[in-house]
Structure formats: C-alpha cells, structure tokens
Amino acid sequence: MHELPITQGILSVVVEAAQQANARQVLAIDIVIGELTSIVDDSVQFYFDILSQGTVAEGAALHFHREPATASCQDCGHTFAVSPPLFVECPQCQSTLIRVTGGNEFCVQSIEVDNES
C-alpha cells in the first residue's frame, strides 16, 4: 500500500515540471526503481492511472527501469550483486564488512512532454 503515497509524489513532481515547461500533455515518464525498494511496478501503474485522471499527465506511459542491488566490501573493495536477505559476505575475501552501494534508488529520471498547441 506504500505505493499510493509514492505515486502521489510522482504525479506531483510530473505535473509541476509540466507546468514549468508550459506543456500541453505529459507523454511518458521514466522512473528508476532500485531492487531493494520493494516498490511494485504494477501497483504504481494502477494508482497512477487513477490519480492522473483529469491532469496533464493522464494517459502518460510509465517506463520502469530497475537498478540492481549491489554491495561493496569494505576490506578488499570488491563490488558485487546482492539480493535479499542482505546478510552476505564478500565472494572475494569472505569479509562481512559489506556496504550496500546500489538498489535503493527511486526517482523520476525523465519526463517527455508535448508542447505543441
């Protein structure tokens, strides 16, 4: 259910950007979502379709881009892919001093608009 406020935030950012660009219509939105965020694409799409009705973003295509989860070993510097659960050790040196370096991203990467009258 946390996708509802997230989608409201996306719509707010998109509508504000479209207004600043004097856009007639938002055509597409590129969204980056990290693998560790637990955000479900279909839920965002569902809420967006409902919330965007009657706005400049109604009917815009959402393009979801997943960022992989990665970690870095603080002992040897090796970077590697991870997946939940995150109790991991470095595949290079077996250290457990691991820092998550990717997979928590969430942002609107780009917005395609139509400015023609």
PDB file of N, CA and C in Angstrom:
ATOM      1  N   MET A   1       0.825  -1.197   0.000  1.00  0.00           N
ATOM      2  CA  MET A   1       0.000   0.000   0.000  1.00  0.00           C
ATOM      3  C   MET A   1       0.869   1.261   0.000  1.00  0.00           C
ATOM      4  N   HIS A   2       2.172   1.133   0.279  1.00  0.00           N
ATOM      5  CA  HIS A   2       3.024   2.322   0.287  1.00  0.00           C
ATOM      6  C   HIS A   2       3.200   2.909  -1.110  1.00  0.00           C
ATOM      7  N   GLU A   3       2.746   2.210  -2.149  1.00  0.00           N
ATOM      8  CA  GLU A   3       2.833   2.743  -3.500  1.00  0.00           C
ATOM      9  C   GLU A   3       1.896   3.923  -3.722  1.00  0.00           C
ATOM     10  N   LEU A   4       0.804   4.028  -2.956  1.00  0.00           N
ATOM     11  CA  LEU A   4      -0.126   5.154  -3.129  1.00  0.00           C
ATOM     12  C   LEU A   4       0.551   6.494  -2.847  1.00  0.00           C
ATOM     13  N   PRO A   5       1.152   6.706  -1.684  1.00  0.00           N
ATOM     14  CA  PRO A   5       1.808   7.998  -1.464  1.00  0.00           C
ATOM     15  C   PRO A   5       3.008   8.213  -2.392  1.00  0.00           C
ATOM     16  N   ILE A   6       3.691   7.145  -2.757  1.00  0.00           N
ATOM     17  CA  ILE A   6       4.807   7.260  -3.691  1.00  0.00           C
ATOM     18  C   ILE A   6       4.298   7.751  -5.041  1.00  0.00           C
ATOM     19  N   THR A   7       3.196   7.180  -5.497  1.00  0.00           N
ATOM     20  CA  THR A   7       2.626   7.569  -6.784  1.00  0.00           C
ATOM     21  C   THR A   7       2.088   8.992  -6.739  1.00  0.00           C
ATOM     22  N   GLN A   8       1.522   9.390  -5.611  1.00  0.00           N
ATOM     23  CA  GLN A   8       1.082  10.776  -5.461  1.00  0.00           C
ATOM     24  C   GLN A   8       2.266  11.723  -5.594  1.00  0.00           C
ATOM     25  N   GLY A   9       3.403  11.334  -5.034  1.00  0.00           N
ATOM     26  CA  GLY A   9       4.608  12.140  -5.145  1.00  0.00           C
ATOM     27  C   GLY A   9       5.112  12.229  -6.582  1.00  0.00           C
ATOM     28  N   ILE A  10       5.089  11.106  -7.288  1.00  0.00           N
ATOM     29  CA  ILE A  10       5.491  11.090  -8.699  1.00  0.00           C
ATOM     30  C   ILE A  10       4.608  12.045  -9.489  1.00  0.00           C
ATOM     31  N   LEU A  11       3.313  11.923  -9.318  1.00  0.00           N
ATOM     32  CA  LEU A  11       2.372  12.760 -10.056  1.00  0.00           C
ATOM     33  C   LEU A  11       2.588  14.236  -9.745  1.00  0.00           C
ATOM     34  N   SER A  12       2.826  14.559  -8.505  1.00  0.00           N
ATOM     35  CA  SER A  12       3.069  15.945  -8.112  1.00  0.00           C
ATOM     36  C   SER A  12       4.309  16.511  -8.810  1.00  0.00           C
ATOM     37  N   VAL A  13       5.390  15.745  -8.809  1.00  0.00           N
ATOM     38  CA  VAL A  13       6.633  16.170  -9.465  1.00  0.00           C
ATOM     39  C   VAL A  13       6.407  16.355 -10.961  1.00  0.00           C
ATOM     40  N   VAL A  14       5.717  15.406 -11.570  1.00  0.00           N
ATOM     41  CA  VAL A  14       5.487  15.434 -13.020  1.00  0.00           C
ATOM     42  C   VAL A  14       4.604  16.611 -13.414  1.00  0.00           C
ATOM     43  N   VAL A  15       3.520  16.828 -12.698  1.00  0.00           N
ATOM     44  CA  VAL A  15       2.608  17.930 -13.016  1.00  0.00           C
ATOM     45  C   VAL A  15       3.314  19.270 -12.844  1.00  0.00           C
ATOM     46  N   GLU A  16       4.085  19.416 -11.776  1.00  0.00           N
ATOM     47  CA  GLU A  16       4.818  20.668 -11.552  1.00  0.00           C
ATOM     48  C   GLU A  16       5.830  20.914 -12.670  1.00  0.00           C
ATOM     49  N   ALA A  17       6.564  19.884 -13.066  1.00  0.00           N
ATOM     50  CA  ALA A  17       7.546  20.027 -14.151  1.00  0.00           C
ATOM     51  C   ALA A  17       6.857  20.364 -15.467  1.00  0.00           C
ATOM     52  N   ALA A  18       5.718  19.748 -15.720  1.00  0.00           N
ATOM     53  CA  ALA A  18       4.976  20.018 -16.952  1.00  0.00           C
ATOM     54  C   ALA A  18       4.473  21.460 -16.975  1.00  0.00           C
ATOM     55  N   GLN A  19       4.003  21.945 -15.843  1.00  0.00           N
ATOM     56  CA  GLN A  19       3.538  23.327 -15.766  1.00  0.00           C
ATOM     57  C   GLN A  19       4.687  24.299 -16.005  1.00  0.00           C
ATOM     58  N   GLN A  20       5.843  24.023 -15.429  1.00  0.00           N
ATOM     59  CA  GLN A  20       7.006  24.890 -15.611  1.00  0.00           C
ATOM     60  C   GLN A  20       7.469  24.915 -17.065  1.00  0.00           C
ATOM     61  N   ALA A  21       7.239  23.806 -17.782  1.00  0.00           N
ATOM     62  CA  ALA A  21       7.638  23.714 -19.188  1.00  0.00           C
ATOM     63  C   ALA A  21       6.529  24.166 -20.133  1.00  0.00           C
ATOM     64  N   ASN A  22       5.413  24.644 -19.559  1.00  0.00           N
ATOM     65  CA  ASN A  22       4.241  25.025 -20.353  1.00  0.00           C
ATOM     66  C   ASN A  22       3.794  23.897 -21.282  1.00  0.00           C
ATOM     67  N   ALA A  23       3.837  22.684 -20.764  1.00  0.00           N
ATOM     68  CA  ALA A  23       3.483  21.502 -21.556  1.00  0.00           C
ATOM     69  C   ALA A  23       1.970  21.356 -21.654  1.00  0.00           C
ATOM     70  N   ARG A  24       1.546  20.926 -22.816  1.00  0.00           N
ATOM     71  CA  ARG A  24       0.134  20.650 -23.041  1.00  0.00           C
ATOM     72  C   ARG A  24      -0.239  19.279 -22.485  1.00  0.00           C
ATOM     73  N   GLN A  25       0.699  18.328 -22.612  1.00  0.00           N
ATOM     74  CA  GLN A  25       0.429  16.949 -22.215  1.00  0.00           C
ATOM     75  C   GLN A  25       1.737  16.256 -21.848  1.00  0.00           C
ATOM     76  N   VAL A  26       1.692  15.398 -20.816  1.00  0.00           N
ATOM     77  CA  VAL A  26       2.820  14.534 -20.489  1.00  0.00           C
ATOM     78  C   VAL A  26       2.623  13.245 -21.273  1.00  0.00           C
ATOM     79  N   LEU A  27       3.632  12.868 -22.046  1.00  0.00           N
ATOM     80  CA  LEU A  27       3.525  11.677 -22.888  1.00  0.00           C
ATOM     81  C   LEU A  27       4.111  10.433 -22.232  1.00  0.00           C
ATOM     82  N   ALA A  28       5.243  10.593 -21.551  1.00  0.00           N
ATOM     83  CA  ALA A  28       5.911   9.447 -20.942  1.00  0.00           C
ATOM     84  C   ALA A  28       6.737   9.880 -19.744  1.00  0.00           C
ATOM     85  N   ILE A  29       6.911   8.944 -18.813  1.00  0.00           N
ATOM     86  CA  ILE A  29       7.681   9.195 -17.599  1.00  0.00           C
ATOM     87  C   ILE A  29       8.603   8.003 -17.387  1.00  0.00           C
ATOM     88  N   ASP A  30       9.904   8.277 -17.251  1.00  0.00           N
ATOM     89  CA  ASP A  30      10.879   7.236 -16.948  1.00  0.00           C
ATOM     90  C   ASP A  30      11.153   7.263 -15.453  1.00  0.00           C
ATOM     91  N   ILE A  31      10.954   6.110 -14.811  1.00  0.00           N
ATOM     92  CA  ILE A  31      11.105   6.004 -13.365  1.00  0.00           C
ATOM     93  C   ILE A  31      12.178   4.953 -13.064  1.00  0.00           C
ATOM     94  N   VAL A  32      13.141   5.309 -12.228  1.00  0.00           N
ATOM     95  CA  VAL A  32      14.188   4.387 -11.803  1.00  0.00           C
ATOM     96  C   VAL A  32      13.815   3.860 -10.423  1.00  0.00           C
ATOM     97  N   ILE A  33      13.823   2.530 -10.293  1.00  0.00           N
ATOM     98  CA  ILE A  33      13.460   1.884  -9.030  1.00  0.00           C
ATOM     99  C   ILE A  33      14.531   0.861  -8.682  1.00  0.00           C
ATOM    100  N   GLY A  34      15.127   0.994  -7.522  1.00  0.00           N
ATOM    101  CA  GLY A  34      16.123   0.032  -7.056  1.00  0.00           C
ATOM    102  C   GLY A  34      15.468  -1.268  -6.629  1.00  0.00           C
ATOM    103  N   GLU A  35      16.192  -2.365  -6.830  1.00  0.00           N
ATOM    104  CA  GLU A  35      15.677  -3.702  -6.497  1.00  0.00           C
ATOM    105  C   GLU A  35      15.380  -3.884  -5.009  1.00  0.00           C
ATOM    106  N   LEU A  36      15.969  -3.078  -4.158  1.00  0.00           N
ATOM    107  CA  LEU A  36      15.761  -3.226  -2.717  1.00  0.00           C
ATOM    108  C   LEU A  36      14.633  -2.364  -2.165  1.00  0.00           C
ATOM    109  N   THR A  37      13.953  -1.603  -3.013  1.00  0.00           N
ATOM    110  CA  THR A  37      12.931  -0.675  -2.525  1.00  0.00           C
ATOM    111  C   THR A  37      11.606  -1.340  -2.207  1.00  0.00           C
ATOM    112  N   SER A  38      11.347  -2.494  -2.714  1.00  0.00           N
ATOM    113  CA  SER A  38      10.094  -3.236  -2.563  1.00  0.00           C
ATOM    114  C   SER A  38       8.902  -2.526  -3.209  1.00  0.00           C
ATOM    115  N   ILE A  39       9.170  -1.595  -4.114  1.00  0.00           N
ATOM    116  CA  ILE A  39       8.106  -0.912  -4.850  1.00  0.00           C
ATOM    117  C   ILE A  39       7.676  -1.811  -6.004  1.00  0.00           C
ATOM    118  N   VAL A  40       6.364  -2.000  -6.138  1.00  0.00           N
ATOM    119  CA  VAL A  40       5.804  -2.882  -7.163  1.00  0.00           C
ATOM    120  C   VAL A  40       5.326  -2.042  -8.345  1.00  0.00           C
ATOM    121  N   ASP A  41       5.914  -2.299  -9.521  1.00  0.00           N
ATOM    122  CA  ASP A  41       5.599  -1.535 -10.728  1.00  0.00           C
ATOM    123  C   ASP A  41       4.099  -1.502 -11.021  1.00  0.00           C
ATOM    124  N   ASP A  42       3.462  -2.666 -10.976  1.00  0.00           N
ATOM    125  CA  ASP A  42       2.036  -2.752 -11.303  1.00  0.00           C
ATOM    126  C   ASP A  42       1.180  -1.910 -10.362  1.00  0.00           C
ATOM    127  N   SER A  43       1.562  -1.836  -9.102  1.00  0.00           N
ATOM    128  CA  SER A  43       0.807  -1.018  -8.145  1.00  0.00           C
ATOM    129  C   SER A  43       0.969   0.464  -8.453  1.00  0.00           C
ATOM    130  N   VAL A  44       2.184   0.875  -8.778  1.00  0.00           N
ATOM    131  CA  VAL A  44       2.412   2.272  -9.147  1.00  0.00           C
ATOM    132  C   VAL A  44       1.591   2.608 -10.393  1.00  0.00           C
ATOM    133  N   GLN A  45       1.609   1.716 -11.377  1.00  0.00           N
ATOM    134  CA  GLN A  45       0.850   1.936 -12.610  1.00  0.00           C
ATOM    135  C   GLN A  45      -0.644   2.053 -12.308  1.00  0.00           C
ATOM    136  N   PHE A  46      -1.160   1.166 -11.461  1.00  0.00           N
ATOM    137  CA  PHE A  46      -2.576   1.174 -11.090  1.00  0.00           C
ATOM    138  C   PHE A  46      -2.964   2.501 -10.452  1.00  0.00           C
ATOM    139  N   TYR A  47      -2.195   2.927  -9.446  1.00  0.00           N
ATOM    140  CA  TYR A  47      -2.508   4.187  -8.761  1.00  0.00           C
ATOM    141  C   TYR A  47      -2.328   5.386  -9.682  1.00  0.00           C
ATOM    142  N   PHE A  48      -1.293   5.341 -10.542  1.00  0.00           N
ATOM    143  CA  PHE A  48      -1.065   6.454 -11.454  1.00  0.00           C
ATOM    144  C   PHE A  48      -2.241   6.622 -12.413  1.00  0.00           C
ATOM    145  N   ASP A  49      -2.756   5.528 -12.934  1.00  0.00           N
ATOM    146  CA  ASP A  49      -3.892   5.594 -13.856  1.00  0.00           C
ATOM    147  C   ASP A  49      -5.102   6.265 -13.200  1.00  0.00           C
ATOM    148  N   ILE A  50      -5.299   6.012 -11.935  1.00  0.00           N
ATOM    149  CA  ILE A  50      -6.433   6.604 -11.207  1.00  0.00           C
ATOM    150  C   ILE A  50      -6.154   8.070 -10.846  1.00  0.00           C
ATOM    151  N   LEU A  51      -4.993   8.313 -10.235  1.00  0.00           N
ATOM    152  CA  LEU A  51      -4.670   9.647  -9.727  1.00  0.00           C
ATOM    153  C   LEU A  51      -4.454  10.677 -10.829  1.00  0.00           C
ATOM    154  N   SER A  52      -3.997  10.247 -11.991  1.00  0.00           N
ATOM    155  CA  SER A  52      -3.677  11.201 -13.054  1.00  0.00           C
ATOM    156  C   SER A  52      -4.894  11.625 -13.872  1.00  0.00           C
ATOM    157  N   GLN A  53      -6.045  11.006 -13.638  1.00  0.00           N
ATOM    158  CA  GLN A  53      -7.239  11.374 -14.396  1.00  0.00           C
ATOM    159  C   GLN A  53      -7.540  12.863 -14.225  1.00  0.00           C
ATOM    160  N   GLY A  54      -7.759  13.531 -15.355  1.00  0.00           N
ATOM    161  CA  GLY A  54      -8.080  14.948 -15.330  1.00  0.00           C
ATOM    162  C   GLY A  54      -6.872  15.858 -15.191  1.00  0.00           C
ATOM    163  N   THR A  55      -5.662  15.296 -15.209  1.00  0.00           N
ATOM    164  CA  THR A  55      -4.456  16.118 -15.113  1.00  0.00           C
ATOM    165  C   THR A  55      -3.716  16.095 -16.453  1.00  0.00           C
ATOM    166  N   VAL A  56      -2.693  16.914 -16.563  1.00  0.00           N
ATOM    167  CA  VAL A  56      -1.865  16.972 -17.760  1.00  0.00           C
ATOM    168  C   VAL A  56      -1.123  15.643 -17.981  1.00  0.00           C
ATOM    169  N   ALA A  57      -1.049  14.804 -16.964  1.00  0.00           N
ATOM    170  CA  ALA A  57      -0.341  13.526 -17.054  1.00  0.00           C
ATOM    171  C   ALA A  57      -1.254  12.350 -17.377  1.00  0.00           C
ATOM    172  N   GLU A  58      -2.535  12.600 -17.525  1.00  0.00           N
ATOM    173  CA  GLU A  58      -3.462  11.497 -17.821  1.00  0.00           C
ATOM    174  C   GLU A  58      -3.057  10.808 -19.121  1.00  0.00           C
ATOM    175  N   GLY A  59      -2.965   9.493 -19.072  1.00  0.00           N
ATOM    176  CA  GLY A  59      -2.617   8.710 -20.248  1.00  0.00           C
ATOM    177  C   GLY A  59      -1.127   8.588 -20.513  1.00  0.00           C
ATOM    178  N   ALA A  60      -0.291   9.200 -19.698  1.00  0.00           N
ATOM    179  CA  ALA A  60       1.159   9.112 -19.893  1.00  0.00           C
ATOM    180  C   ALA A  60       1.625   7.676 -19.683  1.00  0.00           C
ATOM    181  N   ALA A  61       2.586   7.267 -20.494  1.00  0.00           N
ATOM    182  CA  ALA A  61       3.175   5.939 -20.355  1.00  0.00           C
ATOM    183  C   ALA A  61       4.243   5.966 -19.264  1.00  0.00           C
ATOM    184  N   LEU A  62       4.188   5.006 -18.370  1.00  0.00           N
ATOM    185  CA  LEU A  62       5.217   4.874 -17.343  1.00  0.00           C
ATOM    186  C   LEU A  62       6.214   3.819 -17.799  1.00  0.00           C
ATOM    187  N   HIS A  63       7.481   4.180 -17.780  1.00  0.00           N
ATOM    188  CA  HIS A  63       8.546   3.243 -18.137  1.00  0.00           C
ATOM    189  C   HIS A  63       9.381   3.008 -16.876  1.00  0.00           C
ATOM    190  N   PHE A  64       9.378   1.772 -16.405  1.00  0.00           N
ATOM    191  CA  PHE A  64      10.094   1.428 -15.181  1.00  0.00           C
ATOM    192  C   PHE A  64      11.465   0.859 -15.527  1.00  0.00           C
ATOM    193  N   HIS A  65      12.483   1.372 -14.880  1.00  0.00           N
ATOM    194  CA  HIS A  65      13.857   0.903 -15.073  1.00  0.00           C
ATOM    195  C   HIS A  65      14.365   0.426 -13.711  1.00  0.00           C
ATOM    196  N   ARG A  66      14.663  -0.855 -13.612  1.00  0.00           N
ATOM    197  CA  ARG A  66      15.132  -1.446 -12.355  1.00  0.00           C
ATOM    198  C   ARG A  66      16.647  -1.339 -12.237  1.00  0.00           C
ATOM    199  N   GLU A  67      17.095  -0.855 -11.090  1.00  0.00           N
ATOM    200  CA  GLU A  67      18.513  -0.782 -10.783  1.00  0.00           C
ATOM    201  C   GLU A  67      18.872  -1.977  -9.905  1.00  0.00           C
ATOM    202  N   PRO A  68      19.910  -2.709 -10.265  1.00  0.00           N
ATOM    203  CA  PRO A  68      20.270  -3.891  -9.479  1.00  0.00           C
ATOM    204  C   PRO A  68      20.820  -3.528  -8.108  1.00  0.00           C
ATOM    205  N   ALA A  69      20.686  -4.458  -7.190  1.00  0.00           N
ATOM    206  CA  ALA A  69      21.227  -4.295  -5.844  1.00  0.00           C
ATOM    207  C   ALA A  69      22.695  -4.707  -5.878  1.00  0.00           C
ATOM    208  N   THR A  70      23.545  -3.851  -5.353  1.00  0.00           N
ATOM    209  CA  THR A  70      24.972  -4.142  -5.308  1.00  0.00           C
ATOM    210  C   THR A  70      25.524  -3.816  -3.927  1.00  0.00           C
ATOM    211  N   ALA A  71      26.652  -4.422  -3.627  1.00  0.00           N
ATOM    212  CA  ALA A  71      27.341  -4.162  -2.363  1.00  0.00           C
ATOM    213  C   ALA A  71      28.831  -4.072  -2.640  1.00  0.00           C
ATOM    214  N   SER A  72      29.523  -3.455  -1.697  1.00  0.00           N
ATOM    215  CA  SER A  72      30.967  -3.294  -1.810  1.00  0.00           C
ATOM    216  C   SER A  72      31.609  -3.756  -0.510  1.00  0.00           C
ATOM    217  N   CYS A  73      32.674  -4.507  -0.660  1.00  0.00           N
ATOM    218  CA  CYS A  73      33.416  -4.979   0.507  1.00  0.00           C
ATOM    219  C   CYS A  73      34.288  -3.850   1.036  1.00  0.00           C
ATOM    220  N   GLN A  74      34.193  -3.598   2.326  1.00  0.00           N
ATOM    221  CA  GLN A  74      34.982  -2.526   2.924  1.00  0.00           C
ATOM    222  C   GLN A  74      36.410  -2.974   3.241  1.00  0.00           C
ATOM    223  N   ASP A  75      36.672  -4.276   3.127  1.00  0.00           N
ATOM    224  CA  ASP A  75      38.040  -4.765   3.335  1.00  0.00           C
ATOM    225  C   ASP A  75      38.847  -4.782   2.046  1.00  0.00           C
ATOM    226  N   CYS A  76      38.283  -5.394   0.989  1.00  0.00           N
ATOM    227  CA  CYS A  76      39.068  -5.541  -0.244  1.00  0.00           C
ATOM    228  C   CYS A  76      38.588  -4.657  -1.392  1.00  0.00           C
ATOM    229  N   GLY A  77      37.418  -3.992  -1.237  1.00  0.00           N
ATOM    230  CA  GLY A  77      36.916  -3.087  -2.264  1.00  0.00           C
ATOM    231  C   GLY A  77      36.145  -3.745  -3.387  1.00  0.00           C
ATOM    232  N   HIS A  78      35.988  -5.056  -3.353  1.00  0.00           N
ATOM    233  CA  HIS A  78      35.261  -5.780  -4.403  1.00  0.00           C
ATOM    234  C   HIS A  78      33.776  -5.375  -4.392  1.00  0.00           C
ATOM    235  N   THR A  79      33.214  -5.103  -5.579  1.00  0.00           N
ATOM    236  CA  THR A  79      31.794  -4.773  -5.729  1.00  0.00           C
ATOM    237  C   THR A  79      31.097  -5.957  -6.383  1.00  0.00           C
ATOM    238  N   PHE A  80      29.894  -6.305  -5.863  1.00  0.00           N
ATOM    239  CA  PHE A  80      29.207  -7.492  -6.350  1.00  0.00           C
ATOM    240  C   PHE A  80      27.698  -7.345  -6.180  1.00  0.00           C
ATOM    241  N   ALA A  81      26.946  -8.166  -6.913  1.00  0.00           N
ATOM    242  CA  ALA A  81      25.481  -8.158  -6.844  1.00  0.00           C
ATOM    243  C   ALA A  81      25.024  -8.841  -5.558  1.00  0.00           C
ATOM    244  N   VAL A  82      23.928  -8.325  -4.992  1.00  0.00           N
ATOM    245  CA  VAL A  82      23.333  -8.922  -3.795  1.00  0.00           C
ATOM    246  C   VAL A  82      21.833  -9.034  -3.997  1.00  0.00           C
ATOM    247  N   SER A  83      21.207  -9.828  -3.151  1.00  0.00           N
ATOM    248  CA  SER A  83      19.751  -9.921  -3.146  1.00  0.00           C
ATOM    249  C   SER A  83      19.303 -10.199  -1.719  1.00  0.00           C
ATOM    250  N   PRO A  84      18.077  -9.799  -1.402  1.00  0.00           N
ATOM    251  CA  PRO A  84      17.591 -10.035  -0.040  1.00  0.00           C
ATOM    252  C   PRO A  84      17.513 -11.531   0.251  1.00  0.00           C
ATOM    253  N   PRO A  85      17.745 -11.957   1.468  1.00  0.00           N
ATOM    254  CA  PRO A  85      18.155 -11.165   2.634  1.00  0.00           C
ATOM    255  C   PRO A  85      19.601 -10.733   2.482  1.00  0.00           C
ATOM    256  N   LEU A  86      19.953  -9.621   3.099  1.00  0.00           N
ATOM    257  CA  LEU A  86      21.234  -8.992   2.854  1.00  0.00           C
ATOM    258  C   LEU A  86      22.371  -9.424   3.767  1.00  0.00           C
ATOM    259  N   PHE A  87      22.199 -10.477   4.523  1.00  0.00           N
ATOM    260  CA  PHE A  87      23.350 -10.962   5.288  1.00  0.00           C
ATOM    261  C   PHE A  87      24.247 -11.698   4.308  1.00  0.00           C
ATOM    262  N   VAL A  88      25.322 -11.023   3.914  1.00  0.00           N
ATOM    263  CA  VAL A  88      26.207 -11.563   2.890  1.00  0.00           C
ATOM    264  C   VAL A  88      27.657 -11.429   3.318  1.00  0.00           C
ATOM    265  N   GLU A  89      28.482 -12.156   2.621  1.00  0.00           N
ATOM    266  CA  GLU A  89      29.917 -11.984   2.788  1.00  0.00           C
ATOM    267  C   GLU A  89      30.516 -11.770   1.412  1.00  0.00           C
ATOM    268  N   CYS A  90      31.645 -11.159   1.379  1.00  0.00           N
ATOM    269  CA  CYS A  90      32.326 -10.847   0.133  1.00  0.00           C
ATOM    270  C   CYS A  90      32.730 -12.146  -0.572  1.00  0.00           C
ATOM    271  N   PRO A  91      32.355 -12.302  -1.830  1.00  0.00           N
ATOM    272  CA  PRO A  91      32.736 -13.513  -2.547  1.00  0.00           C
ATOM    273  C   PRO A  91      34.239 -13.573  -2.845  1.00  0.00           C
ATOM    274  N   GLN A  92      34.916 -12.440  -2.704  1.00  0.00           N
ATOM    275  CA  GLN A  92      36.352 -12.379  -2.989  1.00  0.00           C
ATOM    276  C   GLN A  92      37.197 -12.746  -1.766  1.00  0.00           C
ATOM    277  N   CYS A  93      36.856 -12.141  -0.603  1.00  0.00           N
ATOM    278  CA  CYS A  93      37.706 -12.343   0.586  1.00  0.00           C
ATOM    279  C   CYS A  93      36.939 -12.878   1.798  1.00  0.00           C
ATOM    280  N   GLN A  94      35.631 -13.108   1.670  1.00  0.00           N
ATOM    281  CA  GLN A  94      34.752 -13.635   2.719  1.00  0.00           C
ATOM    282  C   GLN A  94      34.573 -12.695   3.909  1.00  0.00           C
ATOM    283  N   SER A  95      34.926 -11.437   3.769  1.00  0.00           N
ATOM    284  CA  SER A  95      34.689 -10.450   4.822  1.00  0.00           C
ATOM    285  C   SER A  95      33.187 -10.192   4.943  1.00  0.00           C
ATOM    286  N   THR A  96      32.748  -9.867   6.137  1.00  0.00           N
ATOM    287  CA  THR A  96      31.343  -9.497   6.349  1.00  0.00           C
ATOM    288  C   THR A  96      31.178  -7.987   6.522  1.00  0.00           C
ATOM    289  N   LEU A  97      32.246  -7.230   6.282  1.00  0.00           N
ATOM    290  CA  LEU A  97      32.171  -5.769   6.334  1.00  0.00           C
ATOM    291  C   LEU A  97      31.705  -5.277   4.959  1.00  0.00           C
ATOM    292  N   ILE A  98      30.408  -5.320   4.777  1.00  0.00           N
ATOM    293  CA  ILE A  98      29.787  -5.047   3.480  1.00  0.00           C
ATOM    294  C   ILE A  98      28.963  -3.777   3.565  1.00  0.00           C
ATOM    295  N   ARG A  99      29.012  -2.969   2.502  1.00  0.00           N
ATOM    296  CA  ARG A  99      28.198  -1.757   2.414  1.00  0.00           C
ATOM    297  C   ARG A  99      27.343  -1.850   1.158  1.00  0.00           C
ATOM    298  N   VAL A 100      26.025  -1.650   1.303  1.00  0.00           N
ATOM    299  CA  VAL A 100      25.120  -1.648   0.152  1.00  0.00           C
ATOM    300  C   VAL A 100      25.404  -0.390  -0.657  1.00  0.00           C
ATOM    301  N   THR A 101      25.645  -0.561  -1.962  1.00  0.00           N
ATOM    302  CA  THR A 101      26.006   0.572  -2.813  1.00  0.00           C
ATOM    303  C   THR A 101      24.998   0.824  -3.927  1.00  0.00           C
ATOM    304  N   GLY A 102      24.044  -0.044  -4.107  1.00  0.00           N
ATOM    305  CA  GLY A 102      23.053   0.155  -5.161  1.00  0.00           C
ATOM    306  C   GLY A 102      21.805  -0.658  -4.885  1.00  0.00           C
ATOM    307  N   GLY A 103      20.702  -0.203  -5.440  1.00  0.00           N
ATOM    308  CA  GLY A 103      19.444  -0.921  -5.274  1.00  0.00           C
ATOM    309  C   GLY A 103      18.435  -0.175  -4.433  1.00  0.00           C
ATOM    310  N   ASN A 104      18.806   0.974  -3.874  1.00  0.00           N
ATOM    311  CA  ASN A 104      17.874   1.774  -3.067  1.00  0.00           C
ATOM    312  C   ASN A 104      17.337   2.978  -3.812  1.00  0.00           C
ATOM    313  N   GLU A 105      17.690   3.108  -5.082  1.00  0.00           N
ATOM    314  CA  GLU A 105      17.307   4.278  -5.860  1.00  0.00           C
ATOM    315  C   GLU A 105      15.797   4.327  -6.096  1.00  0.00           C
ATOM    316  N   PHE A 106      15.295   5.538  -6.171  1.00  0.00           N
ATOM    317  CA  PHE A 106      13.916   5.765  -6.598  1.00  0.00           C
ATOM    318  C   PHE A 106      13.816   7.214  -7.047  1.00  0.00           C
ATOM    319  N   CYS A 107      13.574   7.405  -8.336  1.00  0.00           N
ATOM    320  CA  CYS A 107      13.466   8.773  -8.829  1.00  0.00           C
ATOM    321  C   CYS A 107      12.768   8.818 -10.181  1.00  0.00           C
ATOM    322  N   VAL A 108      12.255   9.993 -10.501  1.00  0.00           N
ATOM    323  CA  VAL A 108      11.753  10.259 -11.845  1.00  0.00           C
ATOM    324  C   VAL A 108      12.981  10.683 -12.639  1.00  0.00           C
ATOM    325  N   GLN A 109      13.357   9.868 -13.624  1.00  0.00           N
ATOM    326  CA  GLN A 109      14.564  10.128 -14.400  1.00  0.00           C
ATOM    327  C   GLN A 109      14.321  11.143 -15.510  1.00  0.00           C
ATOM    328  N   SER A 110      13.184  11.019 -16.191  1.00  0.00           N
ATOM    329  CA  SER A 110      12.879  11.958 -17.265  1.00  0.00           C
ATOM    330  C   SER A 110      11.381  11.998 -17.516  1.00  0.00           C
ATOM    331  N   ILE A 111      10.959  13.101 -18.121  1.00  0.00           N
ATOM    332  CA  ILE A 111       9.551  13.307 -18.451  1.00  0.00           C
ATOM    333  C   ILE A 111       9.496  13.781 -19.899  1.00  0.00           C
ATOM    334  N   GLU A 112       8.714  13.090 -20.715  1.00  0.00           N
ATOM    335  CA  GLU A 112       8.521  13.505 -22.099  1.00  0.00           C
ATOM    336  C   GLU A 112       7.197  14.241 -22.192  1.00  0.00           C
ATOM    337  N   VAL A 113       7.219  15.451 -22.748  1.00  0.00           N
ATOM    338  CA  VAL A 113       6.009  16.274 -22.834  1.00  0.00           C
ATOM    339  C   VAL A 113       5.747  16.697 -24.272  1.00  0.00           C
ATOM    340  N   ASP A 114       4.516  17.127 -24.511  1.00  0.00           N
ATOM    341  CA  ASP A 114       4.115  17.701 -25.782  1.00  0.00           C
ATOM    342  C   ASP A 114       3.820  19.177 -25.531  1.00  0.00           C
ATOM    343  N   ASN A 115       4.579  20.034 -26.179  1.00  0.00           N
ATOM    344  CA  ASN A 115       4.399  21.486 -26.014  1.00  0.00           C
ATOM    345  C   ASN A 115       3.595  22.111 -27.123  1.00  0.00           C
ATOM    346  N   GLU A 116       3.255  21.343 -28.130  1.00  0.00           N
ATOM    347  CA  GLU A 116       2.527  21.906 -29.287  1.00  0.00           C
ATOM    348  C   GLU A 116       1.071  22.169 -28.939  1.00  0.00           C
ATOM    349  N   SER A 117       0.546  23.231 -29.494  1.00  0.00           N
ATOM    350  CA  SER A 117      -0.857  23.605 -29.236  1.00  0.00           C
ATOM    351  C   SER A 117      -1.808  22.782 -30.059  1.00  0.00           C
TER     352      SER A 117
END
